[in-house]
């Protein structure tokens, strides 16, 4: 199944200032996520962002907000982002929900499960998710795939959405991923 730009939305899950210091391989996570979000912006993919209990865990970090071109987020207390009305509004007319964020084994996984159950196709960007413990991330990826999520990488999804080297944004995407 081909993931198409017109049928896609990006869900940015909980890149919060008080959680990120404990996340495994966080520098790589942030670097890949910034590239992904910049590329999705270039391609005009709509985005929605969440924060888990921002009063206690803080807001999303500036590099993520800047890459997404937004600071507005849905403040949630449910682990699943599918519990947020703003998220449901953002995904309602789309088929594919491209998901990045933390933590893979809690908020990201529960979001994948709920969105799949609601009839959406979650697309989990493996190099743009993480957990405090990499084993938890590995198990979350297995469960997500078992639940019906499509697994991809940031570079792969950007080129899939671009489709062809003749796409008007191909050169921008190509330059971004190099």
Protein backbone atom coordinates (compact mmCIF):
# COMPACT_ATOMS: atom_id res chain seq x y z
CA UNK A 1 0.00 0.00 0.00
CA UNK A 2 1.37 3.39 -1.02
CA UNK A 3 1.21 6.19 1.55
CA UNK A 4 0.05 9.36 -0.19
CA UNK A 5 0.55 12.98 0.80
CA UNK A 6 -3.07 14.01 0.20
CA UNK A 7 -4.31 11.29 2.56
CA UNK A 8 -1.74 11.90 5.35
CA UNK A 9 -1.44 13.86 8.57
CA UNK A 10 1.43 13.90 11.06
CA UNK A 11 0.93 13.37 14.79
CA UNK A 12 3.78 14.69 16.96
CA UNK A 13 3.66 13.01 20.38
CA UNK A 14 5.10 14.50 23.58
CA UNK A 15 8.63 15.77 22.83
CA UNK A 16 8.62 17.42 26.25
CA UNK A 17 11.46 19.18 28.00
CA UNK A 18 11.24 17.20 31.25
CA UNK A 19 10.96 13.78 29.59
CA UNK A 20 13.61 14.06 26.87
CA UNK A 21 16.70 14.07 29.12
CA UNK A 22 15.93 10.45 30.11
CA UNK A 23 15.22 9.21 26.57
CA UNK A 24 17.66 6.76 24.95
CA UNK A 25 19.60 8.09 21.96
CA UNK A 26 17.80 11.45 22.27
CA UNK A 27 20.24 13.42 20.09
CA UNK A 28 19.59 11.09 17.15
CA UNK A 29 15.86 11.11 17.89
CA UNK A 30 15.72 14.92 17.83
CA UNK A 31 17.91 15.20 14.72
CA UNK A 32 15.81 12.70 12.75
CA UNK A 33 12.54 14.16 14.00
CA UNK A 34 13.54 17.68 13.01
CA UNK A 35 14.38 16.48 9.48
CA UNK A 36 11.12 14.57 9.26
CA UNK A 37 9.02 17.54 10.39
CA UNK A 38 10.86 20.00 8.14
CA UNK A 39 10.32 17.65 5.21
CA UNK A 40 6.65 17.16 5.98
CA UNK A 41 6.23 20.95 6.15
CA UNK A 42 7.90 21.31 2.76
CA UNK A 43 5.42 18.75 1.40
CA UNK A 44 2.46 20.53 3.01
CA UNK A 45 1.47 17.65 5.29
CA UNK A 46 -0.82 18.92 8.09
CA UNK A 47 0.40 18.36 11.65
CA UNK A 48 -1.00 18.14 15.15
CA UNK A 49 1.05 18.02 18.36
CA UNK A 50 0.39 16.71 21.88
CA UNK A 51 1.96 17.09 25.31
CA UNK A 52 1.36 14.72 28.21
CA UNK A 53 0.36 16.67 31.34
CA UNK A 54 2.37 19.77 30.40
CA UNK A 55 1.92 21.28 33.86
CA UNK A 56 4.20 18.60 35.26
CA UNK A 57 6.26 17.51 32.25
CA UNK A 58 6.73 20.81 30.45
CA UNK A 59 6.07 21.84 26.87
CA UNK A 60 7.52 20.47 23.64
CA UNK A 61 11.14 21.42 23.00
CA UNK A 62 11.92 24.38 20.70
CA UNK A 63 13.65 22.41 17.89
CA UNK A 64 10.53 20.27 17.41
CA UNK A 65 8.17 23.25 17.54
CA UNK A 66 10.32 25.17 15.07
CA UNK A 67 10.60 22.23 12.66
CA UNK A 68 6.82 21.71 12.80
CA UNK A 69 6.17 25.44 12.50
CA UNK A 70 3.89 25.37 15.52
CA UNK A 71 3.90 25.67 19.29
CA UNK A 72 0.23 24.89 19.85
CA UNK A 73 -0.38 21.46 21.33
CA UNK A 74 -3.18 19.40 22.78
CA UNK A 75 -2.55 18.97 26.49
CA UNK A 76 -3.53 15.43 27.42
CA UNK A 77 -3.79 13.25 30.47
CA UNK A 78 -4.71 10.06 28.63
CA UNK A 79 -1.66 8.25 27.35
CA UNK A 80 -3.21 7.79 23.92
CA UNK A 81 -3.31 10.91 21.77
CA UNK A 82 -6.55 9.54 20.33
CA UNK A 83 -8.17 10.77 23.54
CA UNK A 84 -7.70 14.40 22.41
CA UNK A 85 -10.49 16.11 20.49
CA UNK A 86 -7.97 18.29 18.62
CA UNK A 87 -6.14 15.20 17.38
CA UNK A 88 -9.37 13.54 16.26
CA UNK A 89 -10.32 16.72 14.37
CA UNK A 90 -6.92 16.82 12.64
CA UNK A 91 -7.04 13.18 11.48
CA UNK A 92 -10.75 12.89 10.66
CA UNK A 93 -10.50 13.25 6.87
CA UNK A 94 -7.20 11.40 6.49
CA UNK A 95 -6.28 7.76 6.01
CA UNK A 96 -2.64 7.72 7.12
CA UNK A 97 -1.42 9.08 10.46
CA UNK A 98 2.36 9.49 10.43
CA UNK A 99 3.48 9.24 14.05
CA UNK A 100 6.66 10.38 15.75
CA UNK A 101 7.45 11.02 19.42
CA UNK A 102 7.91 9.50 22.84
CA UNK A 103 7.61 7.26 24.68
CA UNK A 104 7.35 4.43 22.19
CA UNK A 105 6.00 1.86 24.63
CA UNK A 106 3.41 4.09 26.32
CA UNK A 107 1.86 7.10 24.58
CA UNK A 108 3.00 6.24 21.06
CA UNK A 109 1.94 2.58 21.25
CA UNK A 110 -1.43 3.30 22.84
CA UNK A 111 -2.07 5.94 20.18
CA UNK A 112 -1.24 3.44 17.41
CA UNK A 113 -3.61 0.86 18.88
CA UNK A 114 -6.48 3.33 19.27
CA UNK A 115 -6.07 4.94 15.83
CA UNK A 116 -5.96 1.54 14.14
CA UNK A 117 -9.11 0.51 15.99
CA UNK A 118 -10.79 3.72 14.78
CA UNK A 119 -10.06 2.79 11.16
CA UNK A 120 -6.93 4.87 10.49
CA UNK A 121 -3.65 3.47 9.21
CA UNK A 122 -0.88 4.40 11.67
CA UNK A 123 2.53 4.91 10.07
CA UNK A 124 5.18 4.69 12.76
CA UNK A 125 8.46 6.43 11.92
CA UNK A 126 10.95 4.15 13.68
CA UNK A 127 13.92 6.52 13.79
CA UNK A 128 11.67 9.29 15.18
CA UNK A 129 10.40 7.44 18.25
CA UNK A 130 12.17 6.30 21.41
CA UNK A 131 11.78 5.35 25.06
CA UNK A 132 13.93 5.61 28.15
CA UNK A 133 14.94 1.99 27.57
CA UNK A 134 15.66 0.74 24.04
CA UNK A 135 14.26 -2.70 24.88
CA UNK A 136 10.89 -1.06 25.58
CA UNK A 137 11.09 0.61 22.17
CA UNK A 138 11.88 -2.71 20.46
CA UNK A 139 8.93 -4.44 22.08
CA UNK A 140 6.66 -1.49 21.27
CA UNK A 141 7.64 -1.73 17.59
CA UNK A 142 6.80 -5.43 17.54
CA UNK A 143 3.45 -4.81 19.19
CA UNK A 144 2.67 -1.87 16.92
CA UNK A 145 3.37 -3.99 13.84
CA UNK A 146 1.23 -6.80 15.25
CA UNK A 147 -1.57 -4.28 15.79
CA UNK A 148 -1.38 -3.24 12.12
CA UNK A 149 0.92 -0.20 12.09
CA UNK A 150 3.18 0.33 9.10
CA UNK A 151 6.82 0.84 10.09
CA UNK A 152 9.07 3.19 8.16
CA UNK A 153 11.98 5.60 8.57
CA UNK A 154 12.07 9.36 8.18
CA UNK A 155 13.96 9.31 4.88
CA UNK A 156 11.81 6.52 3.48
CA UNK A 157 8.49 8.26 4.23
CA UNK A 158 9.69 11.60 2.86
CA UNK A 159 10.69 10.04 -0.46
CA UNK A 160 7.51 7.93 -0.56
CA UNK A 161 5.41 11.07 -0.15
CA UNK A 162 7.49 12.83 -2.82
CA UNK A 163 6.90 9.90 -5.23
CA UNK A 164 9.23 11.05 -8.03
CA UNK A 165 12.41 13.01 -8.70
CA UNK A 166 10.18 15.25 -10.82
CA UNK A 167 8.17 16.37 -7.77
CA UNK A 168 8.46 20.13 -7.31
CA UNK A 169 9.87 19.70 -3.77
CA UNK A 170 12.18 16.76 -4.56
CA UNK A 171 15.37 18.84 -4.48
CA UNK A 172 14.44 20.37 -1.11
CA UNK A 173 13.70 16.94 0.36
CA UNK A 174 16.85 15.44 -1.10
CA UNK A 175 18.98 18.25 0.32
CA UNK A 176 17.29 17.95 3.72
CA UNK A 177 17.99 14.23 4.18
CA UNK A 178 21.67 14.43 3.12
